[in-house]
């Protein structure tokens, strides 16, 4: 069977109580490896003073975890510098917050090249490579430069801004897409194939049935603020208790927050989701109250509408969203992406 080689900025090596701390990407990775063997490759989260550290390997079930340390310089320039202070704000339409330096760009490219060099040692010609998120935009190019002709898929976990925003990025032509295609803007429900990447529209569905059945009676005290430091199980309980779920991340993905809120509601007496129309989940959650987060008056009207909404309308809206999310669960997302890439 063709191996899956999943490449991401961070790798979560299995350990005790891993299910309680699993984040969105880790859940997605577990779904991708459910029916095929492979490698999860990337940074292990450690920062070291040494400049040359051998890759570390851990075998768990049918997955080999290959991880690398980052030097202090690499961490400063690649991660804290270019990824967090340049790419993150620009991809969120905040060009004014970007702090560009050529040194950070050099560090970003250097780490991507280093990752590609290390993966080069273990990559087989028939491996299927799946690269994740903005930390690794030039990674496929680095693999191609080493002669690899593998199918390479790329998944951006936040909505991709239009070319007018991307071209504000200094040296953008060295980072985003290659060849004759400069940029690809994916419309909802569309697919576009280019020589080096296949980008599939973002649909990380919530694990709806599992979350919905995990809690019995809840304390229905209204919740005004949810701290993201809570455990996943605690958050699910808080989401279910909230009469109104307000998710306005401006131009972020925020798929899981909105979907977890819907999935954890009591279907007989559900709360109402108020969602930014710019969020990635808005395409699936059409029955939510979609708002422009820059218009505080419209958000206020939506909150008032949600609090006074009849039970029948709340049930109808919840059922509509829940049905869509149930059909787009995380196993479906992973298998569909990989099927498209193989085809």
C-alpha atoms as a PDB file:
ATOM      1  CA  UNK A   1       0.000   0.000   0.000  1.00  0.00           C
ATOM      2  CA  UNK A   2       1.194   3.527  -0.817  1.00  0.00           C
ATOM      3  CA  UNK A   3       2.574   5.245   2.253  1.00  0.00           C
ATOM      4  CA  UNK A   4       1.211   8.583   3.376  1.00  0.00           C
ATOM      5  CA  UNK A   5       3.891  11.090   4.343  1.00  0.00           C
ATOM      6  CA  UNK A   6       2.277  13.930   6.264  1.00  0.00           C
ATOM      7  CA  UNK A   7       4.435  17.024   6.793  1.00  0.00           C
ATOM      8  CA  UNK A   8       3.492  19.743   9.284  1.00  0.00           C
ATOM      9  CA  UNK A   9       5.196  22.375  11.393  1.00  0.00           C
ATOM     10  CA  UNK A  10       4.508  20.443  14.601  1.00  0.00           C
ATOM     11  CA  UNK A  11       4.328  16.715  15.212  1.00  0.00           C
ATOM     12  CA  UNK A  12       2.489  15.262  18.200  1.00  0.00           C
ATOM     13  CA  UNK A  13       4.129  11.997  19.244  1.00  0.00           C
ATOM     14  CA  UNK A  14       1.595   9.678  20.941  1.00  0.00           C
ATOM     15  CA  UNK A  15       1.786   9.523  24.707  1.00  0.00           C
ATOM     16  CA  UNK A  16      -0.448   8.802  27.663  1.00  0.00           C
ATOM     17  CA  UNK A  17      -3.641  10.870  27.861  1.00  0.00           C
ATOM     18  CA  UNK A  18      -3.051  12.039  24.274  1.00  0.00           C
ATOM     19  CA  UNK A  19      -6.785  11.909  23.521  1.00  0.00           C
ATOM     20  CA  UNK A  20      -7.462  14.528  26.199  1.00  0.00           C
ATOM     21  CA  UNK A  21      -5.050  17.063  24.718  1.00  0.00           C
ATOM     22  CA  UNK A  22      -5.440  16.294  21.005  1.00  0.00           C
ATOM     23  CA  UNK A  23      -5.774  19.407  18.889  1.00  0.00           C
ATOM     24  CA  UNK A  24      -7.493  19.831  15.550  1.00  0.00           C
ATOM     25  CA  UNK A  25      -4.512  18.851  13.398  1.00  0.00           C
ATOM     26  CA  UNK A  26      -3.725  15.806  15.514  1.00  0.00           C
ATOM     27  CA  UNK A  27      -7.297  14.547  15.201  1.00  0.00           C
ATOM     28  CA  UNK A  28      -7.095  15.090  11.439  1.00  0.00           C
ATOM     29  CA  UNK A  29      -3.793  13.216  11.215  1.00  0.00           C
ATOM     30  CA  UNK A  30      -5.169  10.257  13.144  1.00  0.00           C
ATOM     31  CA  UNK A  31      -8.064  10.099  10.686  1.00  0.00           C
ATOM     32  CA  UNK A  32      -5.690  10.201   7.704  1.00  0.00           C
ATOM     33  CA  UNK A  33      -3.586   7.327   9.038  1.00  0.00           C
ATOM     34  CA  UNK A  34      -6.565   5.213  10.033  1.00  0.00           C
ATOM     35  CA  UNK A  35      -6.478   3.042   6.907  1.00  0.00           C
ATOM     36  CA  UNK A  36      -2.905   3.370   5.658  1.00  0.00           C
ATOM     37  CA  UNK A  37       0.650   3.263   7.027  1.00  0.00           C
ATOM     38  CA  UNK A  38       2.934   6.230   6.813  1.00  0.00           C
ATOM     39  CA  UNK A  39       5.160   8.916   8.276  1.00  0.00           C
ATOM     40  CA  UNK A  40       4.355  12.078  10.207  1.00  0.00           C
ATOM     41  CA  UNK A  41       7.269  14.433   9.745  1.00  0.00           C
ATOM     42  CA  UNK A  42       8.071  17.830  11.255  1.00  0.00           C
ATOM     43  CA  UNK A  43       9.280  19.806  14.262  1.00  0.00           C
ATOM     44  CA  UNK A  44       8.945  18.229  17.699  1.00  0.00           C
ATOM     45  CA  UNK A  45       8.563  21.555  19.499  1.00  0.00           C
ATOM     46  CA  UNK A  46      12.046  21.466  21.055  1.00  0.00           C
ATOM     47  CA  UNK A  47      14.527  24.339  20.756  1.00  0.00           C
ATOM     48  CA  UNK A  48      18.198  23.503  21.219  1.00  0.00           C
ATOM     49  CA  UNK A  49      21.535  25.293  21.290  1.00  0.00           C
ATOM     50  CA  UNK A  50      23.072  22.670  19.011  1.00  0.00           C
ATOM     51  CA  UNK A  51      23.208  23.368  15.268  1.00  0.00           C
ATOM     52  CA  UNK A  52      23.182  19.787  13.961  1.00  0.00           C
ATOM     53  CA  UNK A  53      20.766  17.301  15.498  1.00  0.00           C
ATOM     54  CA  UNK A  54      19.870  13.959  13.988  1.00  0.00           C
ATOM     55  CA  UNK A  55      16.226  13.262  13.199  1.00  0.00           C
ATOM     56  CA  UNK A  56      14.426  11.311  15.908  1.00  0.00           C
ATOM     57  CA  UNK A  57      12.151   8.374  15.031  1.00  0.00           C
ATOM     58  CA  UNK A  58       9.322   6.815  17.018  1.00  0.00           C
ATOM     59  CA  UNK A  59       7.179   3.941  15.703  1.00  0.00           C
ATOM     60  CA  UNK A  60       3.602   3.763  17.006  1.00  0.00           C
ATOM     61  CA  UNK A  61       1.045   1.406  15.451  1.00  0.00           C
ATOM     62  CA  UNK A  62       1.541   1.807  11.696  1.00  0.00           C
ATOM     63  CA  UNK A  63       2.915   5.350  11.807  1.00  0.00           C
ATOM     64  CA  UNK A  64       6.572   6.402  12.024  1.00  0.00           C
ATOM     65  CA  UNK A  65       7.002   9.788  13.715  1.00  0.00           C
ATOM     66  CA  UNK A  66      10.131  11.538  12.422  1.00  0.00           C
ATOM     67  CA  UNK A  67      10.876  14.774  14.235  1.00  0.00           C
ATOM     68  CA  UNK A  68      13.535  17.464  14.253  1.00  0.00           C
ATOM     69  CA  UNK A  69      14.675  19.988  16.827  1.00  0.00           C
ATOM     70  CA  UNK A  70      15.026  23.642  15.887  1.00  0.00           C
ATOM     71  CA  UNK A  71      18.066  25.697  16.792  1.00  0.00           C
ATOM     72  CA  UNK A  72      17.463  28.944  18.671  1.00  0.00           C
ATOM     73  CA  UNK A  73      18.272  30.876  15.504  1.00  0.00           C
ATOM     74  CA  UNK A  74      15.888  28.805  13.387  1.00  0.00           C
ATOM     75  CA  UNK A  75      13.110  29.143  15.957  1.00  0.00           C
ATOM     76  CA  UNK A  76      13.607  32.899  16.129  1.00  0.00           C
ATOM     77  CA  UNK A  77      13.681  33.503  12.381  1.00  0.00           C
ATOM     78  CA  UNK A  78      11.483  30.736  10.915  1.00  0.00           C
ATOM     79  CA  UNK A  79       8.810  30.359  13.578  1.00  0.00           C
ATOM     80  CA  UNK A  80       8.603  33.492  15.717  1.00  0.00           C
ATOM     81  CA  UNK A  81       9.848  35.664  12.884  1.00  0.00           C
ATOM     82  CA  UNK A  82       8.580  34.995   9.386  1.00  0.00           C
ATOM     83  CA  UNK A  83       5.742  32.552  10.133  1.00  0.00           C
ATOM     84  CA  UNK A  84       4.221  34.456  13.057  1.00  0.00           C
ATOM     85  CA  UNK A  85       5.145  38.073  12.370  1.00  0.00           C
ATOM     86  CA  UNK A  86       4.807  38.105   8.575  1.00  0.00           C
ATOM     87  CA  UNK A  87       2.731  35.258   7.158  1.00  0.00           C
ATOM     88  CA  UNK A  88       0.136  35.125   9.939  1.00  0.00           C
ATOM     89  CA  UNK A  89      -0.929  38.794   9.739  1.00  0.00           C
ATOM     90  CA  UNK A  90      -0.790  38.937   5.931  1.00  0.00           C
ATOM     91  CA  UNK A  91      -2.881  35.799   5.518  1.00  0.00           C
ATOM     92  CA  UNK A  92      -5.391  37.417   7.880  1.00  0.00           C
ATOM     93  CA  UNK A  93      -5.564  40.625   5.815  1.00  0.00           C
ATOM     94  CA  UNK A  94      -3.482  42.565   8.364  1.00  0.00           C
ATOM     95  CA  UNK A  95      -0.676  43.744   6.128  1.00  0.00           C
ATOM     96  CA  UNK A  96      -0.220  46.684   8.479  1.00  0.00           C
ATOM     97  CA  UNK A  97       0.904  44.324  11.267  1.00  0.00           C
ATOM     98  CA  UNK A  98       3.516  42.436   9.235  1.00  0.00           C
ATOM     99  CA  UNK A  99       7.109  42.909  10.437  1.00  0.00           C
ATOM    100  CA  UNK A 100       9.250  41.818   7.486  1.00  0.00           C
ATOM    101  CA  UNK A 101      12.999  41.293   7.639  1.00  0.00           C
ATOM    102  CA  UNK A 102      15.271  39.576   5.135  1.00  0.00           C
ATOM    103  CA  UNK A 103      16.921  37.654   7.953  1.00  0.00           C
ATOM    104  CA  UNK A 104      13.597  36.097   8.985  1.00  0.00           C
ATOM    105  CA  UNK A 105      12.821  35.238   5.355  1.00  0.00           C
ATOM    106  CA  UNK A 106      16.217  33.572   5.043  1.00  0.00           C
ATOM    107  CA  UNK A 107      15.523  31.580   8.199  1.00  0.00           C
ATOM    108  CA  UNK A 108      12.104  30.522   6.918  1.00  0.00           C
ATOM    109  CA  UNK A 109      13.544  29.283   3.623  1.00  0.00           C
ATOM    110  CA  UNK A 110      16.481  27.655   5.423  1.00  0.00           C
ATOM    111  CA  UNK A 111      14.251  25.596   7.725  1.00  0.00           C
ATOM    112  CA  UNK A 112      12.017  24.495   4.842  1.00  0.00           C
ATOM    113  CA  UNK A 113      15.134  23.402   2.943  1.00  0.00           C
ATOM    114  CA  UNK A 114      16.433  21.601   6.036  1.00  0.00           C
ATOM    115  CA  UNK A 115      13.133  19.767   6.467  1.00  0.00           C
ATOM    116  CA  UNK A 116      13.163  18.748   2.789  1.00  0.00           C
ATOM    117  CA  UNK A 117      16.766  17.549   3.049  1.00  0.00           C
ATOM    118  CA  UNK A 118      15.913  15.329   6.021  1.00  0.00           C
ATOM    119  CA  UNK A 119      12.758  13.922   4.428  1.00  0.00           C
ATOM    120  CA  UNK A 120      14.740  13.260   1.252  1.00  0.00           C
ATOM    121  CA  UNK A 121      16.627  10.523   3.127  1.00  0.00           C
ATOM    122  CA  UNK A 122      13.519   8.420   3.777  1.00  0.00           C
ATOM    123  CA  UNK A 123      11.104   9.372   0.967  1.00  0.00           C
ATOM    124  CA  UNK A 124      10.150   6.608  -1.471  1.00  0.00           C
ATOM    125  CA  UNK A 125       9.169   7.268  -5.108  1.00  0.00           C
ATOM    126  CA  UNK A 126       5.568   6.102  -4.582  1.00  0.00           C
ATOM    127  CA  UNK A 127       4.939   7.932  -1.289  1.00  0.00           C
ATOM    128  CA  UNK A 128       1.990  10.309  -1.179  1.00  0.00           C
ATOM    129  CA  UNK A 129       3.097  13.600   0.403  1.00  0.00           C
ATOM    130  CA  UNK A 130       0.609  15.846   2.214  1.00  0.00           C
ATOM    131  CA  UNK A 131       1.967  19.215   3.383  1.00  0.00           C
ATOM    132  CA  UNK A 132       0.081  21.321   5.938  1.00  0.00           C
ATOM    133  CA  UNK A 133      -0.244  25.057   6.461  1.00  0.00           C
ATOM    134  CA  UNK A 134       1.591  28.305   5.907  1.00  0.00           C
ATOM    135  CA  UNK A 135       4.753  27.316   7.766  1.00  0.00           C
ATOM    136  CA  UNK A 136       5.700  25.121   4.804  1.00  0.00           C
ATOM    137  CA  UNK A 137       4.718  27.074   1.689  1.00  0.00           C
ATOM    138  CA  UNK A 138       8.051  26.499  -0.134  1.00  0.00           C
ATOM    139  CA  UNK A 139       8.449  22.891   1.045  1.00  0.00           C
ATOM    140  CA  UNK A 140       7.269  21.216  -2.181  1.00  0.00           C
ATOM    141  CA  UNK A 141       9.690  23.290  -4.230  1.00  0.00           C
ATOM    142  CA  UNK A 142      12.531  22.130  -1.991  1.00  0.00           C
ATOM    143  CA  UNK A 143      11.519  18.506  -2.562  1.00  0.00           C
ATOM    144  CA  UNK A 144      11.251  18.988  -6.324  1.00  0.00           C
ATOM    145  CA  UNK A 145      14.736  20.491  -6.370  1.00  0.00           C
ATOM    146  CA  UNK A 146      15.983  17.190  -4.943  1.00  0.00           C
ATOM    147  CA  UNK A 147      14.445  15.268  -7.825  1.00  0.00           C
ATOM    148  CA  UNK A 148      11.305  13.955  -6.151  1.00  0.00           C
ATOM    149  CA  UNK A 149       8.345  13.494  -8.491  1.00  0.00           C
ATOM    150  CA  UNK A 150       5.879  12.305  -5.836  1.00  0.00           C
ATOM    151  CA  UNK A 151       2.314  13.547  -5.746  1.00  0.00           C
ATOM    152  CA  UNK A 152       2.319  16.451  -3.289  1.00  0.00           C
ATOM    153  CA  UNK A 153      -0.839  17.894  -1.767  1.00  0.00           C
ATOM    154  CA  UNK A 154      -1.031  21.138   0.192  1.00  0.00           C
ATOM    155  CA  UNK A 155      -3.726  22.107   2.697  1.00  0.00           C
ATOM    156  CA  UNK A 156      -3.982  25.636   4.049  1.00  0.00           C
ATOM    157  CA  UNK A 157      -5.805  25.636   7.381  1.00  0.00           C
ATOM    158  CA  UNK A 158      -6.884  29.258   7.098  1.00  0.00           C
ATOM    159  CA  UNK A 159      -8.729  30.903   4.196  1.00  0.00           C
ATOM    160  CA  UNK A 160      -6.406  32.021   1.406  1.00  0.00           C
ATOM    161  CA  UNK A 161      -6.581  35.787   0.784  1.00  0.00           C
ATOM    162  CA  UNK A 162      -6.840  37.189  -2.764  1.00  0.00           C
ATOM    163  CA  UNK A 163      -3.755  37.946  -4.889  1.00  0.00           C
ATOM    164  CA  UNK A 164      -3.964  41.647  -4.018  1.00  0.00           C
ATOM    165  CA  UNK A 165      -3.121  40.750  -0.418  1.00  0.00           C
ATOM    166  CA  UNK A 166      -0.573  38.039  -1.170  1.00  0.00           C
ATOM    167  CA  UNK A 167       1.449  40.234  -3.489  1.00  0.00           C
ATOM    168  CA  UNK A 168       2.000  42.633  -0.602  1.00  0.00           C
ATOM    169  CA  UNK A 169       4.277  39.957   0.826  1.00  0.00           C
ATOM    170  CA  UNK A 170       7.919  40.767   0.035  1.00  0.00           C
ATOM    171  CA  UNK A 171       9.469  38.057  -2.167  1.00  0.00           C
ATOM    172  CA  UNK A 172       6.043  36.467  -2.545  1.00  0.00           C
ATOM    173  CA  UNK A 173       7.069  34.777  -5.788  1.00  0.00           C
ATOM    174  CA  UNK A 174       9.540  32.633  -3.820  1.00  0.00           C
ATOM    175  CA  UNK A 175       6.911  31.337  -1.442  1.00  0.00           C
ATOM    176  CA  UNK A 176       3.485  30.872  -3.056  1.00  0.00           C
ATOM    177  CA  UNK A 177       2.873  28.468  -5.941  1.00  0.00           C
ATOM    178  CA  UNK A 178       5.221  27.946  -8.901  1.00  0.00           C
ATOM    179  CA  UNK A 179       5.374  27.789 -12.663  1.00  0.00           C
ATOM    180  CA  UNK A 180       2.782  29.415 -14.901  1.00  0.00           C
ATOM    181  CA  UNK A 181       0.157  29.544 -12.169  1.00  0.00           C
ATOM    182  CA  UNK A 182       0.950  32.446  -9.859  1.00  0.00           C
ATOM    183  CA  UNK A 183      -1.912  32.173  -7.389  1.00  0.00           C
ATOM    184  CA  UNK A 184      -4.993  30.009  -7.106  1.00  0.00           C
ATOM    185  CA  UNK A 185      -8.100  31.425  -5.506  1.00  0.00           C
ATOM    186  CA  UNK A 186     -10.492  28.624  -4.581  1.00  0.00           C
ATOM    187  CA  UNK A 187     -14.185  29.430  -4.666  1.00  0.00           C
ATOM    188  CA  UNK A 188     -16.577  27.417  -2.457  1.00  0.00           C
ATOM    189  CA  UNK A 189     -17.135  23.879  -3.717  1.00  0.00           C
ATOM    190  CA  UNK A 190     -14.499  24.216  -6.435  1.00  0.00           C
ATOM    191  CA  UNK A 191     -11.299  22.271  -7.087  1.00  0.00           C
ATOM    192  CA  UNK A 192      -8.275  23.357  -9.069  1.00  0.00           C
ATOM    193  CA  UNK A 193      -5.284  21.191  -9.941  1.00  0.00           C
ATOM    194  CA  UNK A 194      -1.838  22.587 -10.679  1.00  0.00           C
ATOM    195  CA  UNK A 195       1.394  20.681 -11.380  1.00  0.00           C
ATOM    196  CA  UNK A 196       2.753  20.601  -7.849  1.00  0.00           C
ATOM    197  CA  UNK A 197      -0.244  20.946  -5.552  1.00  0.00           C
ATOM    198  CA  UNK A 198      -3.824  19.869  -5.403  1.00  0.00           C
ATOM    199  CA  UNK A 199      -5.745  22.257  -3.105  1.00  0.00           C
ATOM    200  CA  UNK A 200      -9.066  21.015  -1.810  1.00  0.00           C
ATOM    201  CA  UNK A 201     -11.598  23.367  -0.219  1.00  0.00           C
ATOM    202  CA  UNK A 202     -11.463  23.462   3.526  1.00  0.00           C
ATOM    203  CA  UNK A 203     -13.846  21.083   5.246  1.00  0.00           C
ATOM    204  CA  UNK A 204     -12.635  19.775   8.590  1.00  0.00           C
ATOM    205  CA  UNK A 205     -15.997  18.496   9.795  1.00  0.00           C
ATOM    206  CA  UNK A 206     -16.758  18.258  13.497  1.00  0.00           C
ATOM    207  CA  UNK A 207     -16.889  14.820  15.103  1.00  0.00           C
ATOM    208  CA  UNK A 208     -20.561  15.486  15.546  1.00  0.00           C
ATOM    209  CA  UNK A 209     -21.999  12.226  16.783  1.00  0.00           C
ATOM    210  CA  UNK A 210     -19.182  11.595  19.262  1.00  0.00           C
ATOM    211  CA  UNK A 211     -19.391  15.007  20.894  1.00  0.00           C
ATOM    212  CA  UNK A 212     -23.185  15.139  20.936  1.00  0.00           C
ATOM    213  CA  UNK A 213     -23.445  11.815  22.714  1.00  0.00           C
ATOM    214  CA  UNK A 214     -20.660  12.475  25.204  1.00  0.00           C
ATOM    215  CA  UNK A 215     -22.623  14.657  27.638  1.00  0.00           C
ATOM    216  CA  UNK A 216     -25.804  14.158  29.585  1.00  0.00           C
ATOM    217  CA  UNK A 217     -27.657  16.927  31.350  1.00  0.00           C
ATOM    218  CA  UNK A 218     -25.670  20.181  31.457  1.00  0.00           C
ATOM    219  CA  UNK A 219     -25.792  23.290  33.596  1.00  0.00           C
ATOM    220  CA  UNK A 220     -27.548  25.761  31.289  1.00  0.00           C
ATOM    221  CA  UNK A 221     -26.048  28.852  32.932  1.00  0.00           C
ATOM    222  CA  UNK A 222     -25.245  31.359  30.165  1.00  0.00           C
ATOM    223  CA  UNK A 223     -21.550  31.575  29.392  1.00  0.00           C
ATOM    224  CA  UNK A 224     -20.065  34.926  28.414  1.00  0.00           C
ATOM    225  CA  UNK A 225     -16.472  33.878  27.812  1.00  0.00           C
ATOM    226  CA  UNK A 226     -14.733  30.610  26.926  1.00  0.00           C
ATOM    227  CA  UNK A 227     -11.040  30.303  27.757  1.00  0.00           C
ATOM    228  CA  UNK A 228      -9.222  28.356  25.034  1.00  0.00           C
ATOM    229  CA  UNK A 229      -6.901  26.925  27.664  1.00  0.00           C
ATOM    230  CA  UNK A 230      -9.656  24.551  28.822  1.00  0.00           C
ATOM    231  CA  UNK A 231      -9.436  20.864  27.939  1.00  0.00           C
ATOM    232  CA  UNK A 232     -11.389  19.605  24.916  1.00  0.00           C
ATOM    233  CA  UNK A 233     -13.904  17.759  27.105  1.00  0.00           C
ATOM    234  CA  UNK A 234     -14.479  20.822  29.303  1.00  0.00           C
ATOM    235  CA  UNK A 235     -14.921  23.030  26.247  1.00  0.00           C
ATOM    236  CA  UNK A 236     -17.500  20.662  24.799  1.00  0.00           C
ATOM    237  CA  UNK A 237     -19.491  20.934  28.027  1.00  0.00           C
ATOM    238  CA  UNK A 238     -19.226  24.729  28.002  1.00  0.00           C
ATOM    239  CA  UNK A 239     -20.276  24.929  24.354  1.00  0.00           C
ATOM    240  CA  UNK A 240     -23.327  22.860  25.107  1.00  0.00           C
ATOM    241  CA  UNK A 241     -24.265  25.036  28.043  1.00  0.00           C
ATOM    242  CA  UNK A 242     -24.101  28.279  26.091  1.00  0.00           C
ATOM    243  CA  UNK A 243     -27.443  29.576  24.848  1.00  0.00           C
ATOM    244  CA  UNK A 244     -25.724  31.614  22.133  1.00  0.00           C
ATOM    245  CA  UNK A 245     -22.460  30.742  20.427  1.00  0.00           C
ATOM    246  CA  UNK A 246     -20.763  33.893  19.090  1.00  0.00           C
ATOM    247  CA  UNK A 247     -17.869  33.184  16.738  1.00  0.00           C
ATOM    248  CA  UNK A 248     -16.532  36.295  14.946  1.00  0.00           C
ATOM    249  CA  UNK A 249     -12.812  35.581  14.059  1.00  0.00           C
ATOM    250  CA  UNK A 250     -12.866  38.216  11.312  1.00  0.00           C
ATOM    251  CA  UNK A 251     -10.959  36.434   8.520  1.00  0.00           C
ATOM    252  CA  UNK A 252      -9.800  33.243  10.179  1.00  0.00           C
ATOM    253  CA  UNK A 253     -10.604  29.600   9.612  1.00  0.00           C
ATOM    254  CA  UNK A 254     -12.110  28.859  13.039  1.00  0.00           C
ATOM    255  CA  UNK A 255     -13.853  25.772  11.684  1.00  0.00           C
ATOM    256  CA  UNK A 256     -13.649  23.743  14.870  1.00  0.00           C
ATOM    257  CA  UNK A 257     -14.974  26.324  17.336  1.00  0.00           C
ATOM    258  CA  UNK A 258     -18.191  26.900  15.382  1.00  0.00           C
ATOM    259  CA  UNK A 259     -18.648  23.234  14.544  1.00  0.00           C
ATOM    260  CA  UNK A 260     -17.949  22.003  18.055  1.00  0.00           C
ATOM    261  CA  UNK A 261     -20.549  24.423  19.378  1.00  0.00           C
ATOM    262  CA  UNK A 262     -23.210  23.061  17.009  1.00  0.00           C
ATOM    263  CA  UNK A 263     -22.228  19.426  17.540  1.00  0.00           C
ATOM    264  CA  UNK A 264     -22.429  19.688  21.324  1.00  0.00           C
ATOM    265  CA  UNK A 265     -25.910  21.252  21.498  1.00  0.00           C
ATOM    266  CA  UNK A 266     -28.967  19.493  22.864  1.00  0.00           C
ATOM    267  CA  UNK A 267     -31.026  18.971  19.669  1.00  0.00           C
ATOM    268  CA  UNK A 268     -34.275  19.330  21.627  1.00  0.00           C
ATOM    269  CA  UNK A 269     -33.284  22.729  22.992  1.00  0.00           C
ATOM    270  CA  UNK A 270     -30.291  23.984  20.985  1.00  0.00           C
ATOM    271  CA  UNK A 271     -28.504  27.286  21.228  1.00  0.00           C
ATOM    272  CA  UNK A 272     -27.993  29.609  18.276  1.00  0.00           C
ATOM    273  CA  UNK A 273     -24.715  30.023  16.386  1.00  0.00           C
ATOM    274  CA  UNK A 274     -23.769  33.582  15.399  1.00  0.00           C
ATOM    275  CA  UNK A 275     -20.890  33.386  12.940  1.00  0.00           C
ATOM    276  CA  UNK A 276     -18.700  35.788  11.009  1.00  0.00           C
ATOM    277  CA  UNK A 277     -19.558  35.616   7.313  1.00  0.00           C
ATOM    278  CA  UNK A 278     -15.787  35.678   6.677  1.00  0.00           C
ATOM    279  CA  UNK A 279     -15.053  32.546   8.710  1.00  0.00           C
ATOM    280  CA  UNK A 280     -14.159  29.389   6.832  1.00  0.00           C
ATOM    281  CA  UNK A 281     -17.034  27.521   8.461  1.00  0.00           C
ATOM    282  CA  UNK A 282     -19.641  29.980   7.128  1.00  0.00           C
ATOM    283  CA  UNK A 283     -19.960  28.011   3.880  1.00  0.00           C
ATOM    284  CA  UNK A 284     -21.189  24.955   5.772  1.00  0.00           C
ATOM    285  CA  UNK A 285     -23.053  26.757   8.538  1.00  0.00           C
ATOM    286  CA  UNK A 286     -25.419  28.692   6.297  1.00  0.00           C
ATOM    287  CA  UNK A 287     -28.286  28.334   8.779  1.00  0.00           C
ATOM    288  CA  UNK A 288     -26.326  30.218  11.434  1.00  0.00           C
ATOM    289  CA  UNK A 289     -26.903  33.929  11.927  1.00  0.00           C
ATOM    290  CA  UNK A 290     -24.132  35.226   9.658  1.00  0.00           C
ATOM    291  CA  UNK A 291     -22.827  38.673  10.538  1.00  0.00           C
ATOM    292  CA  UNK A 292     -20.260  41.203   9.442  1.00  0.00           C
ATOM    293  CA  UNK A 293     -17.971  41.392  12.507  1.00  0.00           C
ATOM    294  CA  UNK A 294     -16.849  44.886  11.491  1.00  0.00           C
ATOM    295  CA  UNK A 295     -20.440  46.120  11.930  1.00  0.00           C
ATOM    296  CA  UNK A 296     -21.107  46.137  15.668  1.00  0.00           C
ATOM    297  CA  UNK A 297     -24.737  47.177  15.168  1.00  0.00           C
ATOM    298  CA  UNK A 298     -25.512  44.134  13.026  1.00  0.00           C
ATOM    299  CA  UNK A 299     -23.808  41.870  15.571  1.00  0.00           C
ATOM    300  CA  UNK A 300     -25.948  43.372  18.325  1.00  0.00           C
ATOM    301  CA  UNK A 301     -29.110  42.812  16.261  1.00  0.00           C
ATOM    302  CA  UNK A 302     -28.084  39.188  15.676  1.00  0.00           C
ATOM    303  CA  UNK A 303     -27.542  38.600  19.399  1.00  0.00           C
ATOM    304  CA  UNK A 304     -30.977  40.057  20.162  1.00  0.00           C
ATOM    305  CA  UNK A 305     -32.492  37.866  17.426  1.00  0.00           C
ATOM    306  CA  UNK A 306     -30.791  34.766  18.816  1.00  0.00           C
ATOM    307  CA  UNK A 307     -31.932  35.399  22.378  1.00  0.00           C
ATOM    308  CA  UNK A 308     -35.563  35.910  21.315  1.00  0.00           C
ATOM    309  CA  UNK A 309     -35.660  33.114  18.703  1.00  0.00           C
ATOM    310  CA  UNK A 310     -38.476  30.569  19.009  1.00  0.00           C
ATOM    311  CA  UNK A 311     -37.703  26.976  19.906  1.00  0.00           C
ATOM    312  CA  UNK A 312     -38.954  25.725  16.532  1.00  0.00           C
ATOM    313  CA  UNK A 313     -36.614  28.046  14.618  1.00  0.00           C
ATOM    314  CA  UNK A 314     -33.692  27.174  16.849  1.00  0.00           C
ATOM    315  CA  UNK A 315     -34.298  23.466  16.232  1.00  0.00           C
ATOM    316  CA  UNK A 316     -34.659  23.994  12.478  1.00  0.00           C
ATOM    317  CA  UNK A 317     -31.430  25.980  12.209  1.00  0.00           C
ATOM    318  CA  UNK A 318     -29.505  23.542  14.391  1.00  0.00           C
ATOM    319  CA  UNK A 319     -30.769  20.512  12.490  1.00  0.00           C
ATOM    320  CA  UNK A 320     -29.794  22.064   9.162  1.00  0.00           C
ATOM    321  CA  UNK A 321     -26.215  22.788  10.235  1.00  0.00           C
ATOM    322  CA  UNK A 322     -25.821  19.509  12.112  1.00  0.00           C
ATOM    323  CA  UNK A 323     -26.873  17.523   9.059  1.00  0.00           C
ATOM    324  CA  UNK A 324     -24.187  19.164   6.925  1.00  0.00           C
ATOM    325  CA  UNK A 325     -21.486  18.662   9.548  1.00  0.00           C
ATOM    326  CA  UNK A 326     -22.426  15.024  10.063  1.00  0.00           C
ATOM    327  CA  UNK A 327     -21.933  14.377   6.348  1.00  0.00           C
ATOM    328  CA  UNK A 328     -18.526  16.108   6.344  1.00  0.00           C
ATOM    329  CA  UNK A 329     -16.883  14.412   9.306  1.00  0.00           C
ATOM    330  CA  UNK A 330     -13.127  14.351   9.644  1.00  0.00           C
ATOM    331  CA  UNK A 331     -12.616  10.864   8.193  1.00  0.00           C
ATOM    332  CA  UNK A 332     -14.517  11.942   5.092  1.00  0.00           C
ATOM    333  CA  UNK A 333     -12.367  15.065   4.773  1.00  0.00           C
ATOM    334  CA  UNK A 334      -9.096  13.150   4.941  1.00  0.00           C
ATOM    335  CA  UNK A 335     -10.160  10.319   2.614  1.00  0.00           C
ATOM    336  CA  UNK A 336     -11.609  12.743   0.066  1.00  0.00           C
ATOM    337  CA  UNK A 337      -8.490  14.897  -0.026  1.00  0.00           C
ATOM    338  CA  UNK A 338      -6.204  11.892  -0.472  1.00  0.00           C
ATOM    339  CA  UNK A 339      -8.477  10.311  -3.097  1.00  0.00           C
ATOM    340  CA  UNK A 340      -8.405  13.542  -5.097  1.00  0.00           C
ATOM    341  CA  UNK A 341      -4.626  13.722  -4.777  1.00  0.00           C
ATOM    342  CA  UNK A 342      -4.124  10.119  -5.897  1.00  0.00           C
ATOM    343  CA  UNK A 343      -6.520  10.542  -8.812  1.00  0.00           C
END
